[in-house]
Amino acid sequence: MESGDDLFKKTKNWPRKKKITVAVITVVLAALVAIVLYANFKPEELPAYSLAEVKIGDIQSTFDTQGTVESGSTESFNAASGVRVTAVYVSVGDRVTAGQQLATFDTSTLTAQLNAYKSAFDKAKASYTKSANSVSDAKRELGSVNAQIPTLQREISALESEIAAAENTKVTAPNTPTYSEAELRALAEQLRGGGMTEAQIQEIVTAVQQQVGSVDVEAAVRNSVAAKKAELAQKQAQLSALEAQKSVYEAQTDETVTELYKSVMEQKSKEYESYKALVDSLQNGWFAAADGIVTEQNLVAGEIFTPKVQQSGGMDLSALMNMASGNSDVAATLTDIFSSTSGADTAVGAGIVVENYGEFYASFTVGKYDLLDLKVGQPAMVSSLDKIYDAEVSYVSATASASSGLDISSITSSLTGGSTGSSSSAPVKVKIKNPDEKIVIGFDVDIQINTEKIENVLTIPVETVFTDAGENYVFVYDAEKKTVSKRAVTLGIGSDTVYEVLDGIKSGEQVVMNPKTALQDGDKIAVQ
């Protein structure tokens, strides 16, 4: 076997080309061996994550939705069916200024309708007054009867007791020709026990004492009882009459019919006053109350106005008849009242509509949970056609209205975390500050409202929080061990970017951003 020296001498004598070839091969083999060794024994690569520091900060909660632009007010000029239009000065699309005249009318054709409304009101008022007076009289008479009945009942009870006592007591005069004072007093007591009056007792005692004629004491007592029975019968008859009167008066004090007449009178008063105000406005002519634009115009100069959409209303006579419960007098009175306007054309409809441009609002509806976060005066932003406008919550309804389907705001609320589970919703408006031509009535706009704001609280980015089995967690990083620990956290309010932390971590700790589902408690990570 060749020694190392022999091998060195042998390779030393190799040609230069051969030496280069062997060297290259040796380097390549060494590289291959190094690659194989690195692949088999290299350390495992750690997952890399960004970290965020838990720190004190402020949180501004927002409510995001969509709304529809509307003007500050819509002025609808209503006209009565049958009025003659004498002149019209505007068309749809015209911009008008405050005080500008819009139209004039001839109201002479409405006199009959106005008189019909007045007649119906007068009849309703008279019916109510008569019924109310009747109830008042019945209450007064009922009070008098109720006051008499207890007194009469006491008198009847006393007479019945006196009669019973007299019928059960035997009273006779003394047989001696002269009577002592004691005997006379005893006789008087006997007579009193028999239910006789003091006047009757005194008459009998005097007769016995003076021996005037033949005194039959028992007959006198019998006569006294008969008189009392006659008096009792008379008072019982009086009581029966009073009780009958009481029943009649009680029936007459029922205010059901009076209240029915009152509601009819009030409705007819409103109808008359409303129609009279309408006629007065037509007689004076129409003038714009504020700057705006004409969005609807249904008048033709020289023609009689007929509403496209009629706004007639009032009470349902058939329903009132049912309330009358078969009372023929009431039914006849109601029929007479309503017949006053039955033949008149009293329909009303919009003649001109002006959208006022002094102020703009964006309106939307919210569910009961979102409503609790919204308050008048909260700052907001409205986005329209890539432009942002400052705004402010100007109206939050105190009542909800039923909704039969989804609207754009309820759909948006569901996408942004709002509540759509309720079938009712409440209207809300935000006032748009400094609007320009990009704010168009009827267009949808994006709305963001600043709701609750809290300051100097512990915060973490929303990207650090993940949910597991209904609980909120973060991964807290240990710089010394280069490991993470899974830790449950209790969160408060949040915004689009951060959450308030109520419990679970401390200020200054570092948490993992966007943790992957593969990350586990105790894993090592690399920090980006």
Protein backbone atom coordinates (compact mmCIF):
# COMPACT_ATOMS: atom_id res chain seq x y z
CA MET A 1 0.00 0.00 0.00
CA GLU A 2 1.30 3.41 -0.93
CA SER A 3 2.27 5.77 1.85
CA GLY A 4 1.21 9.38 1.99
CA ASP A 5 4.59 10.54 0.79
CA ASP A 6 4.48 8.16 -2.17
CA LEU A 7 0.99 9.39 -3.09
CA PHE A 8 2.11 13.02 -2.83
CA LYS A 9 5.12 12.35 -5.01
CA LYS A 10 2.93 10.55 -7.50
CA THR A 11 0.33 13.35 -7.74
CA LYS A 12 3.10 15.91 -7.84
CA ASN A 13 4.21 14.49 -11.10
CA TRP A 14 0.70 14.73 -12.64
CA PRO A 15 0.18 17.07 -15.55
CA ARG A 16 -1.26 20.50 -14.72
CA LYS A 17 -4.50 19.77 -16.52
CA LYS A 18 -5.06 16.61 -14.54
CA LYS A 19 -4.39 18.42 -11.29
CA ILE A 20 -7.03 21.09 -12.12
CA THR A 21 -9.61 18.44 -13.04
CA VAL A 22 -9.07 16.52 -9.84
CA ALA A 23 -9.29 19.74 -7.79
CA VAL A 24 -12.56 20.74 -9.37
CA ILE A 25 -14.04 17.31 -8.78
CA THR A 26 -12.92 17.42 -5.16
CA VAL A 27 -14.55 20.82 -4.59
CA VAL A 28 -17.80 19.68 -6.20
CA LEU A 29 -17.90 16.52 -4.08
CA ALA A 30 -17.25 18.55 -0.94
CA ALA A 31 -20.08 20.93 -1.84
CA LEU A 32 -22.46 18.05 -2.44
CA VAL A 33 -21.53 16.49 0.86
CA ALA A 34 -22.08 19.84 2.63
CA ILE A 35 -25.50 20.28 1.01
CA VAL A 36 -26.57 16.78 2.02
CA LEU A 37 -25.36 17.30 5.57
CA TYR A 38 -27.15 20.75 5.83
CA ALA A 39 -30.36 19.32 4.47
CA ASN A 40 -30.32 16.51 7.01
CA PHE A 41 -29.14 18.43 10.05
CA LYS A 42 -30.27 22.09 9.47
CA PRO A 43 -32.38 23.73 12.28
CA GLU A 44 -36.18 23.98 11.66
CA GLU A 45 -37.23 27.39 10.24
CA LEU A 46 -39.45 29.39 12.66
CA PRO A 47 -42.70 31.05 11.50
CA ALA A 48 -42.29 34.81 11.28
CA TYR A 49 -44.85 37.24 12.72
CA SER A 50 -45.17 40.96 13.32
CA LEU A 51 -45.82 42.12 16.85
CA ALA A 52 -47.95 44.92 18.33
CA GLU A 53 -47.52 46.52 21.72
CA VAL A 54 -50.37 46.66 24.21
CA LYS A 55 -50.66 50.34 25.10
CA ILE A 56 -52.84 53.09 26.52
CA GLY A 57 -54.88 55.03 23.95
CA ASP A 58 -58.26 56.43 22.92
CA ILE A 59 -61.07 54.60 21.10
CA GLN A 60 -63.71 56.23 18.92
CA SER A 61 -66.62 53.89 18.11
CA THR A 62 -68.48 54.52 14.87
CA PHE A 63 -71.75 53.44 13.30
CA ASP A 64 -71.66 52.98 9.52
CA THR A 65 -74.68 52.77 7.26
CA GLN A 66 -76.25 54.19 4.11
CA GLY A 67 -78.97 56.78 3.83
CA THR A 68 -81.01 58.74 1.32
CA VAL A 69 -80.58 62.47 0.74
CA GLU A 70 -83.65 64.63 1.27
CA SER A 71 -84.27 68.33 1.53
CA GLY A 72 -84.76 70.14 4.78
CA SER A 73 -88.47 70.38 4.07
CA THR A 74 -90.92 69.65 1.32
CA GLU A 75 -93.65 72.19 0.77
CA SER A 76 -96.74 70.62 -0.75
CA PHE A 77 -99.40 73.04 -2.00
CA ASN A 78 -102.72 71.18 -1.88
CA ALA A 79 -105.77 72.16 -3.88
CA ALA A 80 -109.42 71.15 -3.51
CA SER A 81 -111.14 69.23 -6.25
CA GLY A 82 -113.39 71.55 -8.27
CA VAL A 83 -111.45 74.78 -7.82
CA ARG A 84 -110.78 76.73 -11.01
CA VAL A 85 -107.13 77.54 -11.76
CA THR A 86 -106.78 81.08 -13.04
CA ALA A 87 -102.98 81.23 -13.54
CA VAL A 88 -99.85 79.07 -13.06
CA TYR A 89 -96.42 80.71 -12.97
CA VAL A 90 -94.02 77.74 -12.57
CA SER A 91 -93.18 74.39 -14.15
CA VAL A 92 -91.38 71.28 -12.93
CA GLY A 93 -87.66 71.99 -12.58
CA ASP A 94 -88.04 75.72 -12.02
CA ARG A 95 -86.03 77.21 -9.16
CA VAL A 96 -88.09 79.55 -7.04
CA THR A 97 -87.23 82.07 -4.35
CA ALA A 98 -88.97 82.76 -1.07
CA GLY A 99 -92.10 84.85 -1.62
CA GLN A 100 -92.40 84.06 -5.33
CA GLN A 101 -95.97 83.62 -6.55
CA LEU A 102 -96.77 80.15 -7.88
CA ALA A 103 -100.49 80.10 -8.84
CA THR A 104 -103.88 81.83 -8.41
CA PHE A 105 -107.43 80.42 -8.21
CA ASP A 106 -111.15 81.20 -8.42
CA THR A 107 -112.65 79.75 -5.21
CA SER A 108 -116.30 80.58 -5.89
CA THR A 109 -116.86 76.99 -7.00
CA LEU A 110 -115.98 75.76 -3.49
CA THR A 111 -118.67 77.70 -1.59
CA ALA A 112 -121.15 74.82 -1.62
CA GLN A 113 -118.57 72.34 -0.34
CA LEU A 114 -117.51 74.71 2.44
CA ASN A 115 -121.14 75.22 3.48
CA ALA A 116 -121.63 71.43 3.53
CA TYR A 117 -118.71 71.04 5.93
CA LYS A 118 -120.11 73.84 8.12
CA SER A 119 -123.59 72.26 8.17
CA ALA A 120 -122.19 68.87 9.20
CA PHE A 121 -120.21 70.46 12.02
CA ASP A 122 -123.18 72.48 13.29
CA LYS A 123 -125.42 69.37 13.38
CA ALA A 124 -122.75 67.32 15.14
CA LYS A 125 -122.23 70.07 17.71
CA ALA A 126 -125.95 70.38 18.40
CA SER A 127 -126.31 66.61 18.84
CA TYR A 128 -123.39 66.49 21.24
CA THR A 129 -124.66 69.48 23.27
CA LYS A 130 -128.15 67.96 23.59
CA SER A 131 -126.77 64.58 24.65
CA ALA A 132 -124.30 66.11 27.11
CA ASN A 133 -127.06 68.24 28.70
CA SER A 134 -129.29 65.19 29.00
CA VAL A 135 -126.55 63.27 30.77
CA SER A 136 -125.88 66.21 33.07
CA ASP A 137 -129.59 66.49 33.99
CA ALA A 138 -129.82 62.75 34.61
CA LYS A 139 -126.77 62.83 36.89
CA ARG A 140 -128.30 65.69 38.89
CA GLU A 141 -131.66 63.89 39.27
CA LEU A 142 -129.89 60.63 40.10
CA GLY A 143 -128.03 62.37 42.90
CA SER A 144 -131.29 63.66 44.35
CA VAL A 145 -132.92 60.22 44.15
CA ASN A 146 -129.92 58.54 45.72
CA ALA A 147 -130.12 61.01 48.60
CA GLN A 148 -133.88 60.30 49.21
CA ILE A 149 -133.75 56.51 49.10
CA PRO A 150 -131.73 55.88 52.32
CA THR A 151 -133.98 58.25 54.33
CA LEU A 152 -137.14 56.54 53.08
CA GLN A 153 -135.67 53.08 53.78
CA ARG A 154 -134.95 54.09 57.38
CA GLU A 155 -138.53 55.39 57.82
CA ILE A 156 -139.97 52.16 56.41
CA SER A 157 -137.79 50.08 58.72
CA ALA A 158 -138.92 52.12 61.73
CA LEU A 159 -142.63 51.74 60.82
CA GLU A 160 -142.24 47.99 60.37
CA SER A 161 -140.68 47.75 63.85
CA GLU A 162 -143.44 49.85 65.42
CA ILE A 163 -146.19 47.81 63.80
CA ALA A 164 -144.64 44.51 64.89
CA ALA A 165 -144.28 45.75 68.46
CA ALA A 166 -147.88 47.01 68.60
CA GLU A 167 -149.32 43.76 67.25
CA ASN A 168 -147.42 41.68 69.81
CA THR A 169 -148.34 43.84 72.88
CA LYS A 170 -151.65 43.64 74.85
CA VAL A 171 -152.53 47.00 76.43
CA THR A 172 -155.58 47.62 78.70
CA ALA A 173 -156.59 50.55 80.87
CA PRO A 174 -156.80 50.17 84.69
CA ASN A 175 -160.19 49.06 86.04
CA THR A 176 -160.17 51.35 89.06
CA PRO A 177 -162.28 54.50 88.81
CA THR A 178 -159.38 56.66 89.83
CA TYR A 179 -155.82 56.24 88.76
CA SER A 180 -152.60 57.01 90.48
CA GLU A 181 -149.70 58.69 88.76
CA ALA A 182 -147.80 55.40 88.84
CA GLU A 183 -150.65 53.61 87.02
CA LEU A 184 -150.82 56.32 84.40
CA ARG A 185 -147.04 56.14 83.83
CA ALA A 186 -147.30 52.34 83.51
CA LEU A 187 -150.10 52.74 80.95
CA ALA A 188 -147.97 55.21 78.96
CA GLU A 189 -145.05 52.79 78.94
CA GLN A 190 -147.35 50.02 77.72
CA LEU A 191 -148.58 52.25 74.92
CA ARG A 192 -145.05 53.21 73.96
CA GLY A 193 -144.19 49.53 73.80
CA GLY A 194 -147.10 49.12 71.43
CA GLY A 195 -145.48 51.50 68.93
CA MET A 196 -147.83 54.45 69.44
CA THR A 197 -146.71 58.02 69.01
CA GLU A 198 -146.40 60.40 71.95
CA ALA A 199 -149.42 62.40 70.73
CA GLN A 200 -151.59 59.24 70.67
CA ILE A 201 -150.31 58.16 74.07
CA GLN A 202 -151.07 61.54 75.60
CA GLU A 203 -154.59 61.53 74.13
CA ILE A 204 -155.42 58.12 75.65
CA VAL A 205 -153.84 58.89 79.04
CA THR A 206 -155.80 62.17 79.25
CA ALA A 207 -159.06 60.43 78.37
CA VAL A 208 -158.52 57.72 80.98
CA GLN A 209 -157.48 60.26 83.57
CA GLN A 210 -160.53 62.41 82.99
CA GLN A 211 -162.87 59.52 82.21
CA VAL A 212 -164.15 61.28 79.11
CA GLY A 213 -166.60 58.88 77.58
CA SER A 214 -165.86 55.22 77.24
CA VAL A 215 -162.16 54.72 76.67
CA ASP A 216 -161.31 51.51 74.79
CA VAL A 217 -157.50 51.40 74.97
CA GLU A 218 -157.21 48.24 72.86
CA ALA A 219 -159.32 49.79 70.11
CA ALA A 220 -157.17 52.91 70.18
CA VAL A 221 -154.04 50.76 69.77
CA ARG A 222 -155.63 48.87 66.89
CA ASN A 223 -156.52 52.12 65.17
CA SER A 224 -152.95 53.35 65.64
CA VAL A 225 -151.51 50.18 64.02
CA ALA A 226 -153.85 50.54 61.02
CA ALA A 227 -152.72 54.11 60.54
CA LYS A 228 -149.10 53.01 60.67
CA LYS A 229 -149.71 50.25 58.10
CA ALA A 230 -151.32 52.77 55.77
CA GLU A 231 -148.35 55.07 56.23
CA LEU A 232 -146.00 52.10 55.61
CA ALA A 233 -147.73 51.21 52.36
CA GLN A 234 -147.49 54.79 51.19
CA LYS A 235 -143.76 54.98 51.92
CA GLN A 236 -143.12 51.61 50.24
CA ALA A 237 -144.84 52.89 47.12
CA GLN A 238 -142.68 56.00 47.24
CA LEU A 239 -139.55 53.82 47.54
CA SER A 240 -140.58 51.73 44.52
CA ALA A 241 -141.09 54.88 42.49
CA LEU A 242 -137.68 56.25 43.51
CA GLU A 243 -135.95 52.98 42.62
CA ALA A 244 -137.67 53.00 39.22
CA GLN A 245 -136.52 56.58 38.68
CA LYS A 246 -133.00 55.58 39.72
CA SER A 247 -132.88 52.87 37.04
CA VAL A 248 -134.04 55.33 34.39
CA TYR A 249 -131.54 58.00 35.43
CA GLU A 250 -128.69 55.47 35.60
CA ALA A 251 -129.43 54.48 32.03
CA GLN A 252 -129.52 58.13 31.00
CA THR A 253 -126.15 58.83 32.62
CA ASP A 254 -124.40 56.36 30.30
CA GLU A 255 -122.00 58.58 28.34
CA THR A 256 -121.39 56.13 25.47
CA VAL A 257 -123.67 57.97 23.08
CA THR A 258 -122.39 61.35 24.27
CA GLU A 259 -118.78 60.30 23.65
CA LEU A 260 -119.80 59.03 20.21
CA TYR A 261 -121.37 62.39 19.38
CA LYS A 262 -118.31 64.16 20.79
CA SER A 263 -115.91 62.24 18.53
CA VAL A 264 -118.11 62.97 15.51
CA MET A 265 -118.28 66.66 16.44
CA GLU A 266 -114.49 66.89 16.84
CA GLN A 267 -113.92 65.16 13.51
CA LYS A 268 -116.40 67.40 11.72
CA SER A 269 -114.79 70.44 13.34
CA LYS A 270 -111.37 69.38 12.01
CA GLU A 271 -112.80 68.72 8.55
CA TYR A 272 -114.49 72.12 8.44
CA GLU A 273 -111.49 74.05 9.76
CA SER A 274 -109.12 72.20 7.43
CA TYR A 275 -111.28 72.80 4.36
CA LYS A 276 -111.81 76.44 5.33
CA ALA A 277 -108.04 76.95 5.69
CA LEU A 278 -107.57 75.27 2.30
CA VAL A 279 -110.11 77.57 0.65
CA ASP A 280 -108.50 80.60 2.28
CA SER A 281 -105.06 79.59 0.97
CA LEU A 282 -106.44 79.15 -2.54
CA GLN A 283 -108.23 82.47 -2.34
CA ASN A 284 -104.99 84.22 -1.34
CA GLY A 285 -102.93 82.45 -4.01
CA TRP A 286 -99.80 80.32 -3.54
CA PHE A 287 -96.37 81.74 -2.68
CA ALA A 288 -93.11 79.86 -2.04
CA ALA A 289 -92.11 79.93 1.63
CA ALA A 290 -88.40 79.35 0.92
CA ASP A 291 -85.91 78.96 -1.92
CA GLY A 292 -86.26 75.64 -3.70
CA ILE A 293 -87.07 73.74 -6.84
CA VAL A 294 -90.46 72.70 -8.24
CA THR A 295 -90.58 68.88 -8.31
CA GLU A 296 -94.29 68.44 -9.08
CA GLN A 297 -96.88 70.58 -10.90
CA ASN A 298 -100.44 69.33 -11.57
CA LEU A 299 -102.29 72.56 -12.46
CA VAL A 300 -103.55 73.81 -15.82
CA ALA A 301 -104.53 77.47 -16.14
CA GLY A 302 -108.20 77.98 -16.99
CA GLU A 303 -109.24 74.44 -16.02
CA ILE A 304 -110.97 72.83 -13.04
CA PHE A 305 -108.51 71.00 -10.79
CA THR A 306 -108.89 67.25 -10.30
CA PRO A 307 -106.39 65.59 -7.92
CA LYS A 308 -104.24 62.79 -9.33
CA VAL A 309 -103.91 61.28 -5.87
CA GLN A 310 -106.84 62.15 -3.66
CA GLN A 311 -106.34 62.74 0.04
CA SER A 312 -109.93 62.56 1.17
CA GLY A 313 -110.71 60.92 4.50
CA GLY A 314 -112.90 61.10 7.55
CA MET A 315 -114.96 58.75 9.70
CA ASP A 316 -116.56 55.54 8.50
CA LEU A 317 -120.33 55.88 8.92
CA SER A 318 -120.88 52.11 8.94
CA ALA A 319 -118.44 51.71 11.83
CA LEU A 320 -120.25 54.43 13.78
CA MET A 321 -123.56 52.69 13.13
CA ASN A 322 -122.17 49.54 14.69
CA MET A 323 -121.11 51.57 17.74
CA ALA A 324 -124.69 52.87 18.03
CA SER A 325 -125.72 49.26 18.84
CA GLY A 326 -129.11 49.40 17.20
CA ASN A 327 -130.18 52.71 18.73
CA SER A 328 -132.50 54.03 16.03
CA ASP A 329 -132.43 57.63 17.29
CA VAL A 330 -128.64 57.72 17.27
CA ALA A 331 -128.48 56.05 13.85
CA ALA A 332 -130.90 58.62 12.42
CA THR A 333 -128.88 61.51 13.90
CA LEU A 334 -125.58 60.20 12.49
CA THR A 335 -127.13 59.63 9.09
CA ASP A 336 -128.39 63.21 9.05
CA ILE A 337 -124.94 64.58 10.02
CA PHE A 338 -123.06 62.62 7.40
CA SER A 339 -125.59 63.28 4.68
CA SER A 340 -124.57 66.95 4.78
CA THR A 341 -121.31 66.19 2.94
CA SER A 342 -122.28 62.94 1.20
CA GLY A 343 -122.94 64.63 -2.15
CA ALA A 344 -120.06 67.09 -2.12
CA ASP A 345 -116.76 66.55 -3.95
CA THR A 346 -114.35 67.24 -1.09
CA ALA A 347 -111.27 65.44 -2.38
CA VAL A 348 -107.90 67.17 -1.99
CA GLY A 349 -104.61 66.60 -3.86
CA ALA A 350 -101.17 68.08 -4.43
CA GLY A 351 -101.14 70.90 -6.98
CA ILE A 352 -97.49 72.02 -6.70
CA VAL A 353 -94.62 70.53 -4.68
CA VAL A 354 -91.48 72.52 -3.89
CA GLU A 355 -88.35 70.95 -2.40
CA ASN A 356 -86.69 73.57 -0.22
CA TYR A 357 -82.92 73.83 -0.68
CA GLY A 358 -81.98 75.61 2.51
CA GLU A 359 -80.86 72.42 4.27
CA PHE A 360 -80.04 68.82 3.34
CA TYR A 361 -80.37 65.67 5.39
CA ALA A 362 -79.49 62.01 4.97
CA SER A 363 -82.13 59.73 6.47
CA PHE A 364 -82.00 56.03 7.36
CA THR A 365 -83.53 53.54 9.80
CA VAL A 366 -81.95 51.46 12.54
CA GLY A 367 -82.89 48.52 14.77
CA LYS A 368 -83.45 48.72 18.50
CA TYR A 369 -79.86 47.86 19.48
CA ASP A 370 -78.16 50.40 17.19
CA LEU A 371 -80.70 53.04 18.23
CA LEU A 372 -79.30 53.02 21.77
CA ASP A 373 -75.90 54.24 20.49
CA LEU A 374 -77.24 57.19 18.47
CA LYS A 375 -77.83 60.61 20.01
CA VAL A 376 -78.72 64.02 18.61
CA GLY A 377 -75.58 66.14 18.22
CA GLN A 378 -73.15 63.31 17.49
CA PRO A 379 -70.62 64.24 14.74
CA ALA A 380 -70.84 62.34 11.47
CA MET A 381 -69.43 62.18 7.95
CA VAL A 382 -71.39 61.78 4.73
CA SER A 383 -69.72 60.51 1.55
CA SER A 384 -71.20 61.20 -1.87
CA LEU A 385 -69.53 60.91 -5.27
CA ASP A 386 -66.03 60.55 -3.73
CA LYS A 387 -66.45 63.65 -1.59
CA ILE A 388 -66.77 63.73 2.21
CA TYR A 389 -68.99 66.24 4.06
CA ASP A 390 -69.15 67.03 7.74
CA ALA A 391 -72.52 66.22 9.27
CA GLU A 392 -74.31 65.92 12.59
CA VAL A 393 -77.09 63.70 13.94
CA SER A 394 -80.13 65.98 14.00
CA TYR A 395 -83.01 63.58 14.72
CA VAL A 396 -83.40 60.22 16.46
CA SER A 397 -86.95 58.93 16.66
CA ALA A 398 -88.35 58.01 20.04
CA THR A 399 -90.70 55.47 18.45
CA ALA A 400 -90.31 52.60 16.03
CA SER A 401 -92.44 51.69 13.04
CA ALA A 402 -93.10 48.25 11.63
CA SER A 403 -91.21 47.22 8.52
CA SER A 404 -92.44 44.58 6.08
CA GLY A 405 -89.12 43.99 4.36
CA LEU A 406 -85.43 44.81 4.18
CA ASP A 407 -84.24 48.25 3.15
CA ILE A 408 -80.77 49.39 2.16
CA SER A 409 -79.90 50.63 5.65
CA SER A 410 -80.92 47.35 7.28
CA ILE A 411 -78.85 45.39 4.77
CA THR A 412 -75.89 47.68 5.40
CA SER A 413 -76.35 47.30 9.15
CA SER A 414 -76.10 43.54 8.81
CA LEU A 415 -72.89 43.85 6.81
CA THR A 416 -71.35 46.27 9.32
CA GLY A 417 -72.39 44.42 12.43
CA GLY A 418 -75.72 46.18 12.96
CA SER A 419 -78.92 44.53 14.06
CA THR A 420 -81.49 43.35 11.54
CA GLY A 421 -83.33 40.79 13.66
CA SER A 422 -86.14 43.15 14.55
CA SER A 423 -89.16 43.66 12.32
CA SER A 424 -89.36 47.27 13.48
CA SER A 425 -87.04 50.17 12.86
CA ALA A 426 -86.68 53.79 13.96
CA PRO A 427 -85.90 56.71 11.60
CA VAL A 428 -82.74 58.76 12.09
CA LYS A 429 -81.49 61.87 10.24
CA VAL A 430 -78.10 63.54 9.94
CA LYS A 431 -77.78 67.13 8.78
CA ILE A 432 -75.21 67.66 6.01
CA LYS A 433 -73.05 70.73 6.53
CA ASN A 434 -71.93 72.88 3.57
CA PRO A 435 -73.57 70.77 0.81
CA ASP A 436 -72.83 71.42 -2.84
CA GLU A 437 -73.96 70.11 -6.24
CA LYS A 438 -72.78 66.58 -5.43
CA ILE A 439 -75.50 66.28 -2.78
CA VAL A 440 -78.55 65.29 -4.81
CA ILE A 441 -82.01 64.69 -3.38
CA GLY A 442 -82.95 61.01 -3.62
CA PHE A 443 -79.35 59.71 -3.98
CA ASP A 444 -77.86 57.18 -1.58
CA VAL A 445 -74.87 58.30 0.50
CA ASP A 446 -72.50 56.57 2.93
CA ILE A 447 -72.79 57.70 6.54
CA GLN A 448 -70.36 57.28 9.43
CA ILE A 449 -71.41 58.49 12.87
CA ASN A 450 -69.01 58.89 15.77
CA THR A 451 -70.82 57.28 18.70
CA GLU A 452 -69.05 56.53 21.99
CA LYS A 453 -65.49 57.76 22.68
CA ILE A 454 -63.34 56.60 25.59
CA GLU A 455 -59.89 57.90 26.53
CA ASN A 456 -56.81 56.51 28.30
CA VAL A 457 -57.79 52.86 28.10
CA LEU A 458 -55.75 49.72 27.33
CA THR A 459 -55.93 48.96 23.58
CA ILE A 460 -54.82 46.31 21.09
CA PRO A 461 -55.19 46.15 17.29
CA VAL A 462 -58.21 44.21 16.05
CA GLU A 463 -55.80 42.03 13.97
CA THR A 464 -54.35 40.49 17.15
CA VAL A 465 -57.62 39.00 18.41
CA PHE A 466 -58.96 35.60 17.37
CA THR A 467 -61.94 33.59 18.61
CA ASP A 468 -61.86 30.01 19.82
CA ALA A 469 -64.96 28.23 21.15
CA GLY A 470 -66.72 31.55 21.67
CA GLU A 471 -63.88 33.13 23.66
CA ASN A 472 -61.49 35.90 22.59
CA TYR A 473 -57.74 35.18 22.67
CA VAL A 474 -54.37 36.71 21.80
CA PHE A 475 -50.84 35.25 21.58
CA VAL A 476 -48.47 37.06 23.95
CA TYR A 477 -44.76 36.99 22.93
CA ASP A 478 -41.94 36.12 25.38
CA ALA A 479 -38.78 37.85 24.07
CA GLU A 480 -36.40 35.77 26.18
CA LYS A 481 -37.78 32.37 25.24
CA LYS A 482 -38.93 33.52 21.79
CA THR A 483 -42.20 31.68 22.45
CA VAL A 484 -45.87 32.66 22.50
CA SER A 485 -48.55 31.92 25.07
CA LYS A 486 -52.25 31.75 24.28
CA ARG A 487 -54.16 34.04 26.63
CA ALA A 488 -57.88 34.79 27.01
CA VAL A 489 -58.84 38.47 26.98
CA THR A 490 -61.97 40.40 27.93
CA LEU A 491 -62.80 43.16 25.45
CA GLY A 492 -64.81 46.36 25.81
CA ILE A 493 -65.90 48.65 23.00
CA GLY A 494 -64.09 48.72 19.69
CA SER A 495 -63.54 50.71 16.55
CA ASP A 496 -62.47 49.70 13.06
CA THR A 497 -58.84 49.44 14.20
CA VAL A 498 -58.58 48.75 17.94
CA TYR A 499 -60.34 47.06 20.85
CA GLU A 500 -60.53 48.12 24.46
CA VAL A 501 -58.98 45.47 26.75
CA LEU A 502 -60.67 45.02 30.11
CA ASP A 503 -58.73 42.01 31.36
CA GLY A 504 -56.15 39.40 30.32
CA ILE A 505 -53.03 41.40 29.33
CA LYS A 506 -51.00 44.35 30.58
CA SER A 507 -49.65 47.52 29.07
CA GLY A 508 -46.25 47.03 27.44
CA GLU A 509 -46.73 43.37 26.54
CA GLN A 510 -46.37 42.35 22.89
CA VAL A 511 -49.00 40.38 21.00
CA VAL A 512 -48.88 38.59 17.65
CA MET A 513 -50.49 40.24 14.63
CA ASN A 514 -52.69 38.08 12.39
CA PRO A 515 -51.99 34.74 14.15
CA LYS A 516 -52.49 31.71 11.92
CA THR A 517 -54.61 28.77 12.96
CA ALA A 518 -51.48 26.57 13.04
CA LEU A 519 -49.92 28.65 15.81
CA GLN A 520 -50.17 26.90 19.17
CA ASP A 521 -49.54 27.77 22.80
CA GLY A 522 -45.79 27.50 23.54
CA ASP A 523 -44.63 27.69 19.90
CA LYS A 524 -41.43 29.54 19.03
CA ILE A 525 -41.66 32.27 16.43
CA ALA A 526 -39.41 34.63 14.54
CA VAL A 527 -40.13 38.33 14.78
CA GLN A 528 -40.40 40.24 11.54
